[in-house]
């Protein structure tokens, strides 16, 4: 299972995942995730929606459907944001 030390940070121009992922990271089937769970897939941070087999990218809002059988890396995240000055 993911650790609480895994944090995703999205800035204006780049995405940063800390700590860096190791090769022995455990993958799980997308279907094992619950609604609202976050995961790494295809080089991006995603969240499982309430629609069956649909995930939404947290960095750009795009969605992907038909994720049945897709292997993903579950993560616990903390999102921090602030209003631009």
N, C-alpha and C. Protein backbone atom coordinates (compact mmCIF):
# COMPACT_ATOMS: atom_id res chain seq x y z
N UNK A 1 0.84 -1.19 0.00
CA UNK A 1 0.00 0.00 0.00
C UNK A 1 0.88 1.24 0.00
N UNK A 2 0.36 2.34 -0.50
CA UNK A 2 1.16 3.56 -0.55
C UNK A 2 1.43 4.11 0.85
N UNK A 3 2.45 4.91 0.95
CA UNK A 3 2.77 5.53 2.23
C UNK A 3 2.23 6.95 2.25
N UNK A 4 2.09 7.50 3.43
CA UNK A 4 1.60 8.88 3.54
C UNK A 4 2.68 9.88 3.16
N UNK A 5 3.90 9.41 2.92
CA UNK A 5 4.98 10.30 2.53
C UNK A 5 4.91 10.63 1.04
N UNK A 6 4.09 9.93 0.29
CA UNK A 6 3.98 10.17 -1.14
C UNK A 6 3.11 11.40 -1.37
N UNK A 7 3.69 12.42 -1.96
CA UNK A 7 2.99 13.68 -2.18
C UNK A 7 3.17 14.10 -3.63
N UNK A 8 2.14 14.60 -4.22
CA UNK A 8 2.23 15.14 -5.58
C UNK A 8 2.14 16.65 -5.50
N UNK A 9 3.01 17.32 -6.23
CA UNK A 9 3.02 18.78 -6.24
C UNK A 9 2.89 19.23 -7.69
N UNK A 10 1.90 20.06 -7.96
CA UNK A 10 1.71 20.58 -9.31
C UNK A 10 1.91 22.09 -9.28
N UNK A 11 2.83 22.56 -10.09
CA UNK A 11 3.10 23.99 -10.18
C UNK A 11 2.55 24.54 -11.48
N UNK A 12 2.97 25.75 -11.82
CA UNK A 12 2.50 26.36 -13.06
C UNK A 12 3.02 25.65 -14.30
N UNK A 13 4.24 25.13 -14.24
CA UNK A 13 4.84 24.57 -15.45
C UNK A 13 5.26 23.13 -15.33
N UNK A 14 5.34 22.57 -14.13
CA UNK A 14 5.85 21.21 -14.03
C UNK A 14 5.14 20.43 -12.93
N UNK A 15 5.19 19.13 -13.06
CA UNK A 15 4.64 18.23 -12.06
C UNK A 15 5.81 17.57 -11.34
N UNK A 16 5.67 17.35 -10.05
CA UNK A 16 6.74 16.73 -9.29
C UNK A 16 6.13 15.71 -8.34
N UNK A 17 6.60 14.50 -8.38
CA UNK A 17 6.16 13.46 -7.48
C UNK A 17 7.30 13.17 -6.52
N UNK A 18 7.07 13.27 -5.22
CA UNK A 18 8.11 12.97 -4.24
C UNK A 18 7.56 12.01 -3.21
N UNK A 19 8.31 11.06 -2.68
CA UNK A 19 9.65 10.75 -3.15
C UNK A 19 9.61 10.06 -4.51
N UNK A 20 10.75 9.94 -5.17
CA UNK A 20 10.77 9.31 -6.48
C UNK A 20 10.36 7.85 -6.34
N UNK A 21 9.75 7.33 -7.39
CA UNK A 21 9.27 5.96 -7.35
C UNK A 21 10.43 4.98 -7.53
N UNK A 22 10.34 3.88 -6.82
CA UNK A 22 11.35 2.84 -6.94
C UNK A 22 10.81 1.74 -7.85
N UNK A 23 11.71 0.92 -8.40
CA UNK A 23 11.32 -0.12 -9.34
C UNK A 23 10.39 -1.16 -8.71
N UNK A 24 10.49 -1.39 -7.40
CA UNK A 24 9.67 -2.41 -6.76
C UNK A 24 8.28 -1.90 -6.35
N UNK A 25 7.86 -0.77 -6.89
CA UNK A 25 6.55 -0.21 -6.59
C UNK A 25 5.46 -1.23 -6.93
N UNK A 26 4.46 -1.34 -6.05
CA UNK A 26 3.38 -2.29 -6.27
C UNK A 26 2.28 -1.69 -7.14
N UNK A 27 1.97 -2.40 -8.20
CA UNK A 27 0.87 -2.02 -9.08
C UNK A 27 -0.39 -2.76 -8.64
N UNK A 28 -1.53 -2.15 -8.85
CA UNK A 28 -2.81 -2.82 -8.59
C UNK A 28 -3.71 -2.61 -9.81
N UNK A 29 -4.69 -3.48 -9.95
CA UNK A 29 -5.66 -3.34 -11.03
C UNK A 29 -6.56 -2.15 -10.71
N UNK A 30 -6.86 -1.35 -11.71
CA UNK A 30 -7.72 -0.17 -11.54
C UNK A 30 -9.02 -0.51 -10.83
N UNK A 31 -9.56 -1.69 -11.09
CA UNK A 31 -10.84 -2.09 -10.51
C UNK A 31 -10.77 -2.24 -8.99
N UNK A 32 -9.56 -2.40 -8.42
CA UNK A 32 -9.41 -2.54 -6.98
C UNK A 32 -9.52 -1.20 -6.25
N UNK A 33 -9.42 -0.09 -6.97
CA UNK A 33 -9.49 1.23 -6.36
C UNK A 33 -10.93 1.59 -6.01
N UNK A 34 -11.10 2.40 -4.98
CA UNK A 34 -12.41 2.92 -4.60
C UNK A 34 -12.59 4.31 -5.22
N UNK A 35 -13.82 4.75 -5.32
CA UNK A 35 -14.11 6.10 -5.81
C UNK A 35 -13.34 7.11 -4.98
N UNK A 36 -12.64 8.04 -5.64
CA UNK A 36 -11.86 9.06 -4.94
C UNK A 36 -10.42 8.69 -4.69
N UNK A 37 -10.05 7.42 -4.93
CA UNK A 37 -8.66 7.01 -4.77
C UNK A 37 -7.81 7.64 -5.87
N UNK A 38 -6.57 8.01 -5.52
CA UNK A 38 -5.64 8.59 -6.48
C UNK A 38 -4.61 7.55 -6.88
N UNK A 39 -4.07 7.72 -8.08
CA UNK A 39 -3.11 6.76 -8.59
C UNK A 39 -2.23 7.41 -9.66
N UNK A 40 -1.06 6.82 -9.85
CA UNK A 40 -0.16 7.24 -10.92
C UNK A 40 -0.38 6.31 -12.10
N UNK A 41 -0.50 6.89 -13.27
CA UNK A 41 -0.69 6.11 -14.49
C UNK A 41 -0.27 6.95 -15.68
N UNK A 42 0.46 6.36 -16.57
CA UNK A 42 0.83 7.03 -17.82
C UNK A 42 1.57 8.34 -17.57
N UNK A 43 2.39 8.38 -16.51
CA UNK A 43 3.20 9.56 -16.21
C UNK A 43 2.43 10.73 -15.63
N UNK A 44 1.25 10.47 -15.08
CA UNK A 44 0.42 11.55 -14.55
C UNK A 44 -0.28 11.08 -13.27
N UNK A 45 -0.84 12.02 -12.55
CA UNK A 45 -1.59 11.74 -11.33
C UNK A 45 -3.07 11.79 -11.65
N UNK A 46 -3.81 10.73 -11.28
CA UNK A 46 -5.22 10.58 -11.63
C UNK A 46 -6.05 10.31 -10.38
N UNK A 47 -7.37 10.51 -10.51
CA UNK A 47 -8.32 10.16 -9.45
C UNK A 47 -9.44 9.33 -10.08
N UNK A 48 -9.86 8.30 -9.34
CA UNK A 48 -10.96 7.46 -9.83
C UNK A 48 -12.27 8.18 -9.56
N UNK A 49 -13.11 8.28 -10.58
CA UNK A 49 -14.39 8.98 -10.45
C UNK A 49 -15.48 8.03 -9.98
N UNK A 50 -16.68 8.58 -9.82
CA UNK A 50 -17.81 7.75 -9.43
C UNK A 50 -18.41 7.00 -10.61
N UNK A 51 -17.94 7.28 -11.81
CA UNK A 51 -18.39 6.55 -13.00
C UNK A 51 -17.51 5.31 -13.17
N UNK A 52 -18.13 4.20 -13.51
CA UNK A 52 -17.39 2.95 -13.67
C UNK A 52 -16.35 3.08 -14.78
N UNK A 53 -15.12 2.74 -14.48
CA UNK A 53 -14.01 2.69 -15.43
C UNK A 53 -13.57 4.04 -15.98
N UNK A 54 -13.84 5.14 -15.27
CA UNK A 54 -13.40 6.45 -15.74
C UNK A 54 -12.50 7.09 -14.70
N UNK A 55 -11.34 7.58 -15.15
CA UNK A 55 -10.41 8.30 -14.29
C UNK A 55 -10.19 9.70 -14.85
N UNK A 56 -9.88 10.65 -13.96
CA UNK A 56 -9.64 12.03 -14.37
C UNK A 56 -8.24 12.46 -13.94
N UNK A 57 -7.52 13.08 -14.86
CA UNK A 57 -6.18 13.60 -14.57
C UNK A 57 -6.30 14.81 -13.67
N UNK A 58 -5.51 14.84 -12.59
CA UNK A 58 -5.52 15.99 -11.70
C UNK A 58 -4.68 17.15 -12.23
N UNK A 59 -3.83 16.89 -13.21
CA UNK A 59 -2.98 17.97 -13.71
C UNK A 59 -3.63 18.76 -14.84
N UNK A 60 -4.51 18.12 -15.62
CA UNK A 60 -5.09 18.86 -16.75
C UNK A 60 -6.58 18.62 -16.97
N UNK A 61 -7.22 17.78 -16.15
CA UNK A 61 -8.66 17.59 -16.22
C UNK A 61 -9.16 16.64 -17.29
N UNK A 62 -8.26 16.09 -18.09
CA UNK A 62 -8.72 15.13 -19.10
C UNK A 62 -9.21 13.86 -18.42
N UNK A 63 -10.00 13.08 -19.14
CA UNK A 63 -10.47 11.83 -18.57
C UNK A 63 -10.13 10.67 -19.49
N UNK A 64 -10.07 9.51 -18.92
CA UNK A 64 -9.80 8.28 -19.66
C UNK A 64 -10.85 7.28 -19.25
N UNK A 65 -11.45 6.62 -20.23
CA UNK A 65 -12.45 5.61 -19.90
C UNK A 65 -11.95 4.22 -20.29
N UNK A 66 -12.72 3.22 -19.97
CA UNK A 66 -12.39 1.83 -20.26
C UNK A 66 -11.06 1.42 -19.63
N UNK A 67 -10.89 1.71 -18.34
CA UNK A 67 -9.65 1.39 -17.64
C UNK A 67 -9.65 -0.02 -17.05
N UNK A 68 -10.63 -0.83 -17.41
CA UNK A 68 -10.72 -2.21 -16.93
C UNK A 68 -9.42 -2.96 -17.25
N UNK A 69 -8.81 -3.55 -16.23
CA UNK A 69 -7.59 -4.32 -16.42
C UNK A 69 -6.32 -3.49 -16.45
N UNK A 70 -6.41 -2.18 -16.33
CA UNK A 70 -5.24 -1.31 -16.34
C UNK A 70 -4.53 -1.39 -14.99
N UNK A 71 -3.22 -1.55 -15.01
CA UNK A 71 -2.43 -1.61 -13.78
C UNK A 71 -1.95 -0.20 -13.44
N UNK A 72 -2.19 0.23 -12.21
CA UNK A 72 -1.85 1.58 -11.76
C UNK A 72 -1.11 1.51 -10.43
N UNK A 73 -0.49 2.62 -10.03
CA UNK A 73 0.21 2.70 -8.75
C UNK A 73 -0.64 3.57 -7.82
N UNK A 74 -1.25 2.98 -6.79
CA UNK A 74 -2.06 3.78 -5.87
C UNK A 74 -1.18 4.67 -5.01
N UNK A 75 -1.64 5.90 -4.75
CA UNK A 75 -0.88 6.84 -3.92
C UNK A 75 -1.83 7.59 -2.99
N UNK A 76 -1.31 7.93 -1.82
CA UNK A 76 -2.00 8.87 -0.93
C UNK A 76 -1.42 10.23 -1.23
N UNK A 77 -2.27 11.21 -1.43
CA UNK A 77 -1.77 12.53 -1.80
C UNK A 77 -2.33 13.60 -0.88
N UNK A 78 -1.66 14.72 -0.93
CA UNK A 78 -2.12 15.92 -0.25
C UNK A 78 -2.02 17.03 -1.28
N UNK A 79 -3.11 17.72 -1.52
CA UNK A 79 -3.11 18.81 -2.50
C UNK A 79 -3.13 20.13 -1.76
N UNK A 80 -2.16 20.98 -2.05
CA UNK A 80 -2.10 22.32 -1.46
C UNK A 80 -2.20 23.33 -2.60
N UNK A 81 -2.98 24.35 -2.40
CA UNK A 81 -3.08 25.39 -3.41
C UNK A 81 -3.26 26.73 -2.74
N UNK A 82 -2.97 27.75 -3.50
CA UNK A 82 -3.17 29.11 -3.00
C UNK A 82 -3.56 30.00 -4.17
N UNK A 83 -4.23 31.07 -3.85
CA UNK A 83 -4.66 32.02 -4.86
C UNK A 83 -3.46 32.77 -5.41
N UNK A 84 -3.44 32.96 -6.73
CA UNK A 84 -2.35 33.74 -7.34
C UNK A 84 -2.45 35.17 -6.88
N UNK A 85 -1.29 35.78 -6.66
CA UNK A 85 -1.24 37.17 -6.21
C UNK A 85 -1.20 38.11 -7.37
